[in-house]
């Protein structure tokens, strides 16, 4: 057997060749540093994404109305019906009251103004109580919900529409 010594190896001399890469302690250190840089970069991107999501949620929480639904009991124009309004308002210290008003093509108009049970500077509870409008004639209705802040300032406003069946509804 011919002994192989890397220090005295001559490429032109026939014999055994070592095709393995030489062991370099700096190579393992650079691989570790490269992995550390990638991990840091990934963590930084994750934190930036998380921060942007938090900012989006903060912008979104500026909305006062969580949900606003208006439902009639029946949809026939020939008979009177009851209308139920379900309202959910975001809890916030500045939300003082809400006003719900409606107009109709058949005549009746009305509304309701309700104060939220909160003390100035405290967070108001979520409002979920349904509001009923009884015995309204069949027709088309437009409801407007306004959340009021201190001094009666309108913080947000949404509308909902009820269309009576048979009035050119899309099917």
C-alpha atoms as a PDB file:
ATOM      1  CA  UNK A   1       0.000   0.000   0.000  1.00  0.00           C
ATOM      2  CA  UNK A   2       1.295   3.380  -0.910  1.00  0.00           C
ATOM      3  CA  UNK A   3       0.985   5.911   1.903  1.00  0.00           C
ATOM      4  CA  UNK A   4      -0.644   9.192   1.025  1.00  0.00           C
ATOM      5  CA  UNK A   5       0.544  12.450   2.458  1.00  0.00           C
ATOM      6  CA  UNK A   6      -1.310  15.585   1.441  1.00  0.00           C
ATOM      7  CA  UNK A   7       1.632  17.856   2.057  1.00  0.00           C
ATOM      8  CA  UNK A   8       3.859  16.034  -0.388  1.00  0.00           C
ATOM      9  CA  UNK A   9       1.262  15.188  -2.993  1.00  0.00           C
ATOM     10  CA  UNK A  10       2.246  15.812  -6.538  1.00  0.00           C
ATOM     11  CA  UNK A  11      -0.623  15.787  -9.029  1.00  0.00           C
ATOM     12  CA  UNK A  12       1.375  14.231 -11.847  1.00  0.00           C
ATOM     13  CA  UNK A  13       2.475  11.233  -9.818  1.00  0.00           C
ATOM     14  CA  UNK A  14       0.334   8.161 -10.166  1.00  0.00           C
ATOM     15  CA  UNK A  15      -1.143   6.796  -7.008  1.00  0.00           C
ATOM     16  CA  UNK A  16      -3.997   7.340  -4.623  1.00  0.00           C
ATOM     17  CA  UNK A  17      -5.837  10.625  -4.755  1.00  0.00           C
ATOM     18  CA  UNK A  18      -7.975  12.168  -2.017  1.00  0.00           C
ATOM     19  CA  UNK A  19     -11.124  13.552  -3.598  1.00  0.00           C
ATOM     20  CA  UNK A  20     -12.636  14.701  -0.305  1.00  0.00           C
ATOM     21  CA  UNK A  21     -12.701  18.422   0.350  1.00  0.00           C
ATOM     22  CA  UNK A  22     -10.247  19.563   2.964  1.00  0.00           C
ATOM     23  CA  UNK A  23     -11.673  20.214   6.430  1.00  0.00           C
ATOM     24  CA  UNK A  24     -11.748  23.926   7.020  1.00  0.00           C
ATOM     25  CA  UNK A  25     -12.791  25.205  10.482  1.00  0.00           C
ATOM     26  CA  UNK A  26     -13.600  28.616   9.007  1.00  0.00           C
ATOM     27  CA  UNK A  27     -16.143  27.024   6.644  1.00  0.00           C
ATOM     28  CA  UNK A  28     -18.305  25.740   9.515  1.00  0.00           C
ATOM     29  CA  UNK A  29     -18.111  29.136  11.226  1.00  0.00           C
ATOM     30  CA  UNK A  30     -19.194  30.945   8.061  1.00  0.00           C
ATOM     31  CA  UNK A  31     -22.108  28.508   7.615  1.00  0.00           C
ATOM     32  CA  UNK A  32     -23.199  29.228  11.177  1.00  0.00           C
ATOM     33  CA  UNK A  33     -22.983  32.983  10.609  1.00  0.00           C
ATOM     34  CA  UNK A  34     -24.919  32.668   7.342  1.00  0.00           C
ATOM     35  CA  UNK A  35     -27.681  30.714   9.137  1.00  0.00           C
ATOM     36  CA  UNK A  36     -27.735  33.303  11.902  1.00  0.00           C
ATOM     37  CA  UNK A  37     -28.119  36.145   9.370  1.00  0.00           C
ATOM     38  CA  UNK A  38     -31.005  34.360   7.628  1.00  0.00           C
ATOM     39  CA  UNK A  39     -32.731  33.667  10.929  1.00  0.00           C
ATOM     40  CA  UNK A  40     -32.364  37.310  11.978  1.00  0.00           C
ATOM     41  CA  UNK A  41     -33.700  38.475   8.610  1.00  0.00           C
ATOM     42  CA  UNK A  42     -36.689  36.126   8.880  1.00  0.00           C
ATOM     43  CA  UNK A  43     -37.448  37.346  12.422  1.00  0.00           C
ATOM     44  CA  UNK A  44     -37.211  40.970  11.290  1.00  0.00           C
ATOM     45  CA  UNK A  45     -39.625  40.374   8.395  1.00  0.00           C
ATOM     46  CA  UNK A  46     -42.017  38.583  10.745  1.00  0.00           C
ATOM     47  CA  UNK A  47     -41.950  41.447  13.245  1.00  0.00           C
ATOM     48  CA  UNK A  48     -42.538  44.030  10.497  1.00  0.00           C
ATOM     49  CA  UNK A  49     -45.519  42.025   9.268  1.00  0.00           C
ATOM     50  CA  UNK A  50     -46.873  41.744  12.782  1.00  0.00           C
ATOM     51  CA  UNK A  51     -46.439  45.486  13.337  1.00  0.00           C
ATOM     52  CA  UNK A  52     -48.256  46.324  10.106  1.00  0.00           C
ATOM     53  CA  UNK A  53     -51.119  44.020  11.132  1.00  0.00           C
ATOM     54  CA  UNK A  54     -51.309  45.765  14.491  1.00  0.00           C
ATOM     55  CA  UNK A  55     -51.470  49.146  12.763  1.00  0.00           C
ATOM     56  CA  UNK A  56     -54.231  47.846  10.465  1.00  0.00           C
ATOM     57  CA  UNK A  57     -56.196  46.594  13.476  1.00  0.00           C
ATOM     58  CA  UNK A  58     -55.770  49.954  15.213  1.00  0.00           C
ATOM     59  CA  UNK A  59     -57.076  51.761  12.122  1.00  0.00           C
ATOM     60  CA  UNK A  60     -59.955  49.321  11.874  1.00  0.00           C
ATOM     61  CA  UNK A  61     -60.909  49.724  15.537  1.00  0.00           C
ATOM     62  CA  UNK A  62     -61.589  53.392  14.809  1.00  0.00           C
ATOM     63  CA  UNK A  63     -64.922  52.216  13.372  1.00  0.00           C
ATOM     64  CA  UNK A  64     -67.824  52.582  15.744  1.00  0.00           C
ATOM     65  CA  UNK A  65     -70.381  50.179  14.266  1.00  0.00           C
ATOM     66  CA  UNK A  66     -69.594  46.458  14.449  1.00  0.00           C
ATOM     67  CA  UNK A  67     -72.782  45.320  12.739  1.00  0.00           C
ATOM     68  CA  UNK A  68     -76.096  46.807  11.657  1.00  0.00           C
ATOM     69  CA  UNK A  69     -78.928  44.588  10.394  1.00  0.00           C
ATOM     70  CA  UNK A  70     -82.522  45.466   9.640  1.00  0.00           C
ATOM     71  CA  UNK A  71     -85.059  42.664   9.064  1.00  0.00           C
ATOM     72  CA  UNK A  72     -88.796  42.748   8.387  1.00  0.00           C
ATOM     73  CA  UNK A  73     -91.051  39.935   9.599  1.00  0.00           C
ATOM     74  CA  UNK A  74     -92.696  39.603   6.158  1.00  0.00           C
ATOM     75  CA  UNK A  75     -92.052  41.139   2.767  1.00  0.00           C
ATOM     76  CA  UNK A  76     -95.585  41.647   1.352  1.00  0.00           C
ATOM     77  CA  UNK A  77     -96.702  45.104   0.309  1.00  0.00           C
ATOM     78  CA  UNK A  78    -100.354  44.378   1.111  1.00  0.00           C
ATOM     79  CA  UNK A  79     -99.965  43.957   4.862  1.00  0.00           C
ATOM     80  CA  UNK A  80     -98.295  45.671   7.788  1.00  0.00           C
ATOM     81  CA  UNK A  81     -95.181  44.166   9.262  1.00  0.00           C
ATOM     82  CA  UNK A  82     -92.785  44.558  12.145  1.00  0.00           C
ATOM     83  CA  UNK A  83     -89.198  45.580  11.532  1.00  0.00           C
ATOM     84  CA  UNK A  84     -86.345  44.462  13.772  1.00  0.00           C
ATOM     85  CA  UNK A  85     -83.062  46.388  13.889  1.00  0.00           C
ATOM     86  CA  UNK A  86     -80.035  44.687  15.425  1.00  0.00           C
ATOM     87  CA  UNK A  87     -77.141  46.954  16.292  1.00  0.00           C
ATOM     88  CA  UNK A  88     -73.688  46.218  17.700  1.00  0.00           C
ATOM     89  CA  UNK A  89     -71.547  49.220  18.577  1.00  0.00           C
ATOM     90  CA  UNK A  90     -67.826  48.982  19.307  1.00  0.00           C
ATOM     91  CA  UNK A  91     -67.072  49.637  23.003  1.00  0.00           C
ATOM     92  CA  UNK A  92     -65.224  52.915  23.359  1.00  0.00           C
ATOM     93  CA  UNK A  93     -65.059  55.739  25.880  1.00  0.00           C
ATOM     94  CA  UNK A  94     -66.137  58.330  23.271  1.00  0.00           C
ATOM     95  CA  UNK A  95     -69.332  56.551  22.135  1.00  0.00           C
ATOM     96  CA  UNK A  96     -72.151  58.325  23.977  1.00  0.00           C
ATOM     97  CA  UNK A  97     -75.350  57.491  22.062  1.00  0.00           C
ATOM     98  CA  UNK A  98     -76.742  56.206  18.793  1.00  0.00           C
ATOM     99  CA  UNK A  99     -79.598  57.447  16.647  1.00  0.00           C
ATOM    100  CA  UNK A 100     -81.596  55.168  14.360  1.00  0.00           C
ATOM    101  CA  UNK A 101     -83.960  56.825  11.909  1.00  0.00           C
ATOM    102  CA  UNK A 102     -85.948  55.600   8.922  1.00  0.00           C
ATOM    103  CA  UNK A 103     -87.865  56.939   5.961  1.00  0.00           C
ATOM    104  CA  UNK A 104     -90.269  55.152   3.653  1.00  0.00           C
ATOM    105  CA  UNK A 105     -91.855  55.561   0.246  1.00  0.00           C
ATOM    106  CA  UNK A 106     -95.283  54.832   1.770  1.00  0.00           C
ATOM    107  CA  UNK A 107     -95.257  57.626   4.319  1.00  0.00           C
ATOM    108  CA  UNK A 108     -94.127  56.674   7.796  1.00  0.00           C
ATOM    109  CA  UNK A 109     -90.915  58.096   9.189  1.00  0.00           C
ATOM    110  CA  UNK A 110     -89.474  57.708  12.628  1.00  0.00           C
ATOM    111  CA  UNK A 111     -86.499  56.919  14.721  1.00  0.00           C
ATOM    112  CA  UNK A 112     -84.988  56.193  18.059  1.00  0.00           C
ATOM    113  CA  UNK A 113     -82.258  57.919  20.056  1.00  0.00           C
ATOM    114  CA  UNK A 114     -80.620  55.859  22.784  1.00  0.00           C
ATOM    115  CA  UNK A 115     -77.849  56.762  25.151  1.00  0.00           C
ATOM    116  CA  UNK A 116     -75.152  54.242  25.851  1.00  0.00           C
ATOM    117  CA  UNK A 117     -74.802  53.493  29.540  1.00  0.00           C
ATOM    118  CA  UNK A 118     -71.363  54.858  30.178  1.00  0.00           C
ATOM    119  CA  UNK A 119     -69.711  57.542  32.204  1.00  0.00           C
ATOM    120  CA  UNK A 120     -67.447  60.015  30.434  1.00  0.00           C
ATOM    121  CA  UNK A 121     -64.055  58.420  29.903  1.00  0.00           C
ATOM    122  CA  UNK A 122     -65.219  54.845  30.573  1.00  0.00           C
ATOM    123  CA  UNK A 123     -65.718  52.192  27.938  1.00  0.00           C
ATOM    124  CA  UNK A 124     -69.312  51.683  26.847  1.00  0.00           C
ATOM    125  CA  UNK A 125     -70.751  48.156  26.720  1.00  0.00           C
ATOM    126  CA  UNK A 126     -71.466  46.453  23.387  1.00  0.00           C
ATOM    127  CA  UNK A 127     -75.029  47.301  22.384  1.00  0.00           C
ATOM    128  CA  UNK A 128     -76.971  44.261  21.143  1.00  0.00           C
ATOM    129  CA  UNK A 129     -80.553  45.030  22.063  1.00  0.00           C
ATOM    130  CA  UNK A 130     -82.935  44.657  19.118  1.00  0.00           C
ATOM    131  CA  UNK A 131     -85.128  47.647  18.337  1.00  0.00           C
ATOM    132  CA  UNK A 132     -88.616  46.858  17.033  1.00  0.00           C
ATOM    133  CA  UNK A 133     -90.747  49.107  14.844  1.00  0.00           C
ATOM    134  CA  UNK A 134     -94.263  47.646  15.014  1.00  0.00           C
ATOM    135  CA  UNK A 135     -97.059  47.615  12.424  1.00  0.00           C
ATOM    136  CA  UNK A 136     -95.352  49.485   9.602  1.00  0.00           C
ATOM    137  CA  UNK A 137     -97.077  49.456   6.205  1.00  0.00           C
ATOM    138  CA  UNK A 138     -95.444  47.410   3.450  1.00  0.00           C
ATOM    139  CA  UNK A 139     -93.010  49.406   1.370  1.00  0.00           C
ATOM    140  CA  UNK A 140     -89.403  50.341   0.841  1.00  0.00           C
ATOM    141  CA  UNK A 141     -87.506  51.649   3.871  1.00  0.00           C
ATOM    142  CA  UNK A 142     -84.128  53.313   4.325  1.00  0.00           C
ATOM    143  CA  UNK A 143     -82.630  53.092   7.818  1.00  0.00           C
ATOM    144  CA  UNK A 144     -79.773  55.316   8.977  1.00  0.00           C
ATOM    145  CA  UNK A 145     -77.702  54.524  12.069  1.00  0.00           C
ATOM    146  CA  UNK A 146     -75.482  57.229  13.543  1.00  0.00           C
ATOM    147  CA  UNK A 147     -73.097  56.827  16.473  1.00  0.00           C
ATOM    148  CA  UNK A 148     -72.800  60.044  18.456  1.00  0.00           C
ATOM    149  CA  UNK A 149     -69.839  61.196  20.482  1.00  0.00           C
ATOM    150  CA  UNK A 150     -69.374  63.977  23.012  1.00  0.00           C
ATOM    151  CA  UNK A 151     -71.363  67.094  22.127  1.00  0.00           C
ATOM    152  CA  UNK A 152     -73.552  65.182  19.666  1.00  0.00           C
ATOM    153  CA  UNK A 153     -70.787  64.863  17.060  1.00  0.00           C
ATOM    154  CA  UNK A 154     -71.527  62.095  14.515  1.00  0.00           C
ATOM    155  CA  UNK A 155     -68.640  59.611  14.685  1.00  0.00           C
ATOM    156  CA  UNK A 156     -69.899  57.131  12.084  1.00  0.00           C
ATOM    157  CA  UNK A 157     -73.003  56.603   9.985  1.00  0.00           C
ATOM    158  CA  UNK A 158     -74.342  53.578   8.071  1.00  0.00           C
ATOM    159  CA  UNK A 159     -77.496  52.900   6.075  1.00  0.00           C
ATOM    160  CA  UNK A 160     -79.548  49.779   5.453  1.00  0.00           C
ATOM    161  CA  UNK A 161     -82.348  49.318   2.926  1.00  0.00           C
ATOM    162  CA  UNK A 162     -85.470  47.139   2.985  1.00  0.00           C
ATOM    163  CA  UNK A 163     -87.169  46.573  -0.362  1.00  0.00           C
ATOM    164  CA  UNK A 164     -90.683  45.167  -0.498  1.00  0.00           C
ATOM    165  CA  UNK A 165     -91.184  42.016  -2.573  1.00  0.00           C
ATOM    166  CA  UNK A 166     -92.519  42.604  -6.048  1.00  0.00           C
ATOM    167  CA  UNK A 167     -90.914  46.038  -6.555  1.00  0.00           C
ATOM    168  CA  UNK A 168     -88.543  45.091  -9.355  1.00  0.00           C
ATOM    169  CA  UNK A 169     -86.408  42.916  -7.124  1.00  0.00           C
ATOM    170  CA  UNK A 170     -83.467  41.134  -8.706  1.00  0.00           C
ATOM    171  CA  UNK A 171     -83.948  37.400  -8.960  1.00  0.00           C
END
